Amino acid sequence: MLTCKELTEIITDYIEGRLTLFQRISFQLHLGMCRHCRAYLRQMRLTVRTLGKMPTMSVPQDVEQELLKRFRDWKR
């Protein structure tokens, strides 16, 4: 079964429907036993809905490149 940390690492894939059958089952089993992760999933879904309603804004090219660089180097 997944730990809470493992669940938080794949929650976006779960919301977007990109988990394998085994991953989905493990995810849902964990949710059935962990009220904190159920709350976290509700918060993430609310965040996705809220952000989806925001107007799009253009990001200056230099800022976009810097953000992409930082995201790529995040786990290093």
N, C-alpha and C. Protein backbone atom coordinates (compact mmCIF):
# COMPACT_ATOMS: atom_id res chain seq x y z
N MET A 1 0.85 -1.18 0.00
CA MET A 1 0.00 0.00 0.00
C MET A 1 0.89 1.24 0.00
N LEU A 2 0.38 2.31 -0.55
CA LEU A 2 1.12 3.57 -0.62
C LEU A 2 1.24 4.23 0.75
N THR A 3 2.32 4.98 0.90
CA THR A 3 2.44 5.86 2.06
C THR A 3 1.83 7.20 1.69
N CYS A 4 1.64 8.07 2.67
CA CYS A 4 1.10 9.40 2.40
C CYS A 4 2.03 10.17 1.46
N LYS A 5 3.33 10.06 1.67
CA LYS A 5 4.29 10.76 0.82
C LYS A 5 4.19 10.26 -0.62
N GLU A 6 4.11 8.95 -0.81
CA GLU A 6 3.99 8.40 -2.15
C GLU A 6 2.71 8.86 -2.83
N LEU A 7 1.63 8.92 -2.06
CA LEU A 7 0.36 9.38 -2.61
C LEU A 7 0.48 10.83 -3.10
N THR A 8 1.10 11.69 -2.31
CA THR A 8 1.22 13.09 -2.72
C THR A 8 2.08 13.25 -3.97
N GLU A 9 3.00 12.32 -4.19
CA GLU A 9 3.86 12.40 -5.37
C GLU A 9 3.14 12.03 -6.66
N ILE A 10 2.06 11.26 -6.56
CA ILE A 10 1.36 10.83 -7.78
C ILE A 10 -0.07 11.36 -7.86
N ILE A 11 -0.42 12.29 -6.99
CA ILE A 11 -1.81 12.75 -6.95
C ILE A 11 -2.23 13.44 -8.25
N THR A 12 -1.32 14.17 -8.87
CA THR A 12 -1.64 14.83 -10.14
C THR A 12 -1.94 13.79 -11.22
N ASP A 13 -1.13 12.73 -11.26
CA ASP A 13 -1.39 11.67 -12.24
C ASP A 13 -2.74 11.00 -11.98
N TYR A 14 -3.10 10.85 -10.71
CA TYR A 14 -4.41 10.28 -10.36
C TYR A 14 -5.53 11.18 -10.87
N ILE A 15 -5.44 12.46 -10.59
CA ILE A 15 -6.48 13.40 -11.02
C ILE A 15 -6.61 13.42 -12.53
N GLU A 16 -5.48 13.30 -13.23
CA GLU A 16 -5.48 13.36 -14.69
C GLU A 16 -5.72 11.99 -15.34
N GLY A 17 -5.92 10.95 -14.53
CA GLY A 17 -6.23 9.63 -15.07
C GLY A 17 -5.06 8.92 -15.71
N ARG A 18 -3.85 9.17 -15.22
CA ARG A 18 -2.66 8.59 -15.84
C ARG A 18 -2.01 7.47 -15.03
N LEU A 19 -2.72 6.92 -14.05
CA LEU A 19 -2.16 5.82 -13.26
C LEU A 19 -2.53 4.48 -13.87
N THR A 20 -1.67 3.50 -13.64
CA THR A 20 -2.00 2.13 -14.05
C THR A 20 -3.11 1.62 -13.14
N LEU A 21 -3.69 0.51 -13.51
CA LEU A 21 -4.75 -0.09 -12.69
C LEU A 21 -4.21 -0.39 -11.29
N PHE A 22 -3.03 -0.97 -11.18
CA PHE A 22 -2.45 -1.29 -9.88
C PHE A 22 -2.23 -0.02 -9.05
N GLN A 23 -1.71 1.03 -9.67
CA GLN A 23 -1.49 2.29 -8.95
C GLN A 23 -2.81 2.89 -8.46
N ARG A 24 -3.84 2.85 -9.32
CA ARG A 24 -5.16 3.38 -8.93
C ARG A 24 -5.73 2.63 -7.74
N ILE A 25 -5.61 1.31 -7.77
CA ILE A 25 -6.12 0.50 -6.66
C ILE A 25 -5.36 0.83 -5.38
N SER A 26 -4.04 0.90 -5.45
CA SER A 26 -3.24 1.25 -4.27
C SER A 26 -3.60 2.63 -3.75
N PHE A 27 -3.78 3.57 -4.67
CA PHE A 27 -4.15 4.94 -4.32
C PHE A 27 -5.49 4.95 -3.59
N GLN A 28 -6.47 4.28 -4.16
CA GLN A 28 -7.82 4.27 -3.58
C GLN A 28 -7.87 3.52 -2.25
N LEU A 29 -7.09 2.46 -2.11
CA LEU A 29 -7.02 1.76 -0.83
C LEU A 29 -6.48 2.68 0.26
N HIS A 30 -5.44 3.42 -0.09
CA HIS A 30 -4.87 4.36 0.88
C HIS A 30 -5.90 5.42 1.26
N LEU A 31 -6.58 5.96 0.26
CA LEU A 31 -7.60 6.98 0.53
C LEU A 31 -8.69 6.45 1.46
N GLY A 32 -9.04 5.17 1.29
CA GLY A 32 -10.07 4.59 2.13
C GLY A 32 -9.70 4.54 3.61
N MET A 33 -8.40 4.58 3.89
CA MET A 33 -7.96 4.47 5.27
C MET A 33 -7.33 5.76 5.82
N CYS A 34 -7.17 6.78 5.00
CA CYS A 34 -6.45 7.97 5.45
C CYS A 34 -7.27 9.24 5.20
N ARG A 35 -7.84 9.76 6.25
CA ARG A 35 -8.69 10.95 6.09
C ARG A 35 -7.87 12.18 5.71
N HIS A 36 -6.60 12.20 6.08
CA HIS A 36 -5.74 13.34 5.74
C HIS A 36 -5.49 13.39 4.22
N CYS A 37 -5.27 12.23 3.64
CA CYS A 37 -5.06 12.20 2.19
C CYS A 37 -6.35 12.45 1.43
N ARG A 38 -7.48 12.03 1.98
CA ARG A 38 -8.77 12.38 1.35
C ARG A 38 -8.96 13.89 1.34
N ALA A 39 -8.61 14.53 2.45
CA ALA A 39 -8.70 16.00 2.52
C ALA A 39 -7.75 16.64 1.52
N TYR A 40 -6.55 16.08 1.41
CA TYR A 40 -5.57 16.61 0.46
C TYR A 40 -6.08 16.48 -0.98
N LEU A 41 -6.68 15.35 -1.30
CA LEU A 41 -7.24 15.16 -2.65
C LEU A 41 -8.34 16.18 -2.92
N ARG A 42 -9.21 16.41 -1.93
CA ARG A 42 -10.26 17.44 -2.11
C ARG A 42 -9.64 18.81 -2.36
N GLN A 43 -8.60 19.14 -1.61
CA GLN A 43 -7.92 20.43 -1.79
C GLN A 43 -7.29 20.54 -3.18
N MET A 44 -6.68 19.48 -3.64
CA MET A 44 -6.06 19.49 -4.97
C MET A 44 -7.11 19.65 -6.07
N ARG A 45 -8.22 18.96 -5.94
CA ARG A 45 -9.28 19.09 -6.95
C ARG A 45 -9.85 20.51 -6.96
N LEU A 46 -10.03 21.09 -5.78
CA LEU A 46 -10.50 22.47 -5.69
C LEU A 46 -9.49 23.43 -6.33
N THR A 47 -8.21 23.19 -6.09
CA THR A 47 -7.16 24.03 -6.68
C THR A 47 -7.20 23.95 -8.19
N VAL A 48 -7.33 22.74 -8.73
CA VAL A 48 -7.38 22.56 -10.19
C VAL A 48 -8.59 23.29 -10.76
N ARG A 49 -9.75 23.14 -10.12
CA ARG A 49 -10.96 23.83 -10.61
C ARG A 49 -10.79 25.35 -10.55
N THR A 50 -10.26 25.84 -9.46
CA THR A 50 -10.09 27.28 -9.28
C THR A 50 -9.11 27.84 -10.30
N LEU A 51 -7.98 27.18 -10.47
CA LEU A 51 -6.99 27.67 -11.43
C LEU A 51 -7.51 27.60 -12.86
N GLY A 52 -8.37 26.62 -13.14
CA GLY A 52 -8.94 26.50 -14.47
C GLY A 52 -9.87 27.65 -14.82
N LYS A 53 -10.35 28.37 -13.82
CA LYS A 53 -11.25 29.50 -14.05
C LYS A 53 -10.51 30.83 -14.18
N MET A 54 -9.22 30.81 -13.92
CA MET A 54 -8.46 32.07 -13.98
C MET A 54 -8.17 32.45 -15.43
N PRO A 55 -8.14 33.74 -15.71
CA PRO A 55 -7.80 34.16 -17.07
C PRO A 55 -6.33 33.87 -17.37
N THR A 56 -6.06 33.58 -18.63
CA THR A 56 -4.67 33.33 -19.00
C THR A 56 -3.91 34.64 -19.12
N MET A 57 -2.66 34.58 -18.74
CA MET A 57 -1.80 35.76 -18.81
C MET A 57 -0.50 35.34 -19.48
N SER A 58 0.07 36.24 -20.26
CA SER A 58 1.35 35.90 -20.87
C SER A 58 2.47 36.15 -19.87
N VAL A 59 3.46 35.29 -19.93
CA VAL A 59 4.62 35.38 -19.04
C VAL A 59 5.79 35.85 -19.89
N PRO A 60 6.54 36.85 -19.43
CA PRO A 60 7.71 37.29 -20.19
C PRO A 60 8.65 36.11 -20.46
N GLN A 61 9.24 36.07 -21.64
CA GLN A 61 10.07 34.96 -22.07
C GLN A 61 11.20 34.66 -21.09
N ASP A 62 11.86 35.69 -20.57
CA ASP A 62 12.98 35.45 -19.65
C ASP A 62 12.50 34.82 -18.34
N VAL A 63 11.32 35.20 -17.88
CA VAL A 63 10.76 34.63 -16.66
C VAL A 63 10.39 33.17 -16.91
N GLU A 64 9.77 32.90 -18.06
CA GLU A 64 9.40 31.53 -18.40
C GLU A 64 10.62 30.62 -18.45
N GLN A 65 11.67 31.08 -19.09
CA GLN A 65 12.89 30.27 -19.19
C GLN A 65 13.51 30.00 -17.81
N GLU A 66 13.51 31.00 -16.96
CA GLU A 66 14.06 30.83 -15.61
C GLU A 66 13.22 29.84 -14.79
N LEU A 67 11.92 29.94 -14.90
CA LEU A 67 11.05 29.00 -14.20
C LEU A 67 11.26 27.57 -14.69
N LEU A 68 11.33 27.40 -16.00
CA LEU A 68 11.55 26.06 -16.55
C LEU A 68 12.88 25.49 -16.08
N LYS A 69 13.91 26.32 -16.05
CA LYS A 69 15.22 25.87 -15.57
C LYS A 69 15.14 25.42 -14.12
N ARG A 70 14.48 26.21 -13.29
CA ARG A 70 14.36 25.87 -11.87
C ARG A 70 13.55 24.59 -11.66
N PHE A 71 12.48 24.40 -12.41
CA PHE A 71 11.69 23.18 -12.28
C PHE A 71 12.50 21.96 -12.71
N ARG A 72 13.29 22.09 -13.78
CA ARG A 72 14.09 20.95 -14.25
C ARG A 72 15.15 20.59 -13.22
N ASP A 73 15.73 21.59 -12.55
CA ASP A 73 16.81 21.36 -11.59
C ASP A 73 16.31 21.09 -10.19
N TRP A 74 15.01 21.07 -9.98
CA TRP A 74 14.40 20.99 -8.65
C TRP A 74 14.90 19.80 -7.81
N LYS A 75 14.96 18.62 -8.39
CA LYS A 75 15.31 17.42 -7.62
C LYS A 75 16.82 17.17 -7.56
N ARG A 76 17.60 17.98 -8.18
CA ARG A 76 19.06 17.78 -8.18
C ARG A 76 19.69 18.30 -6.93
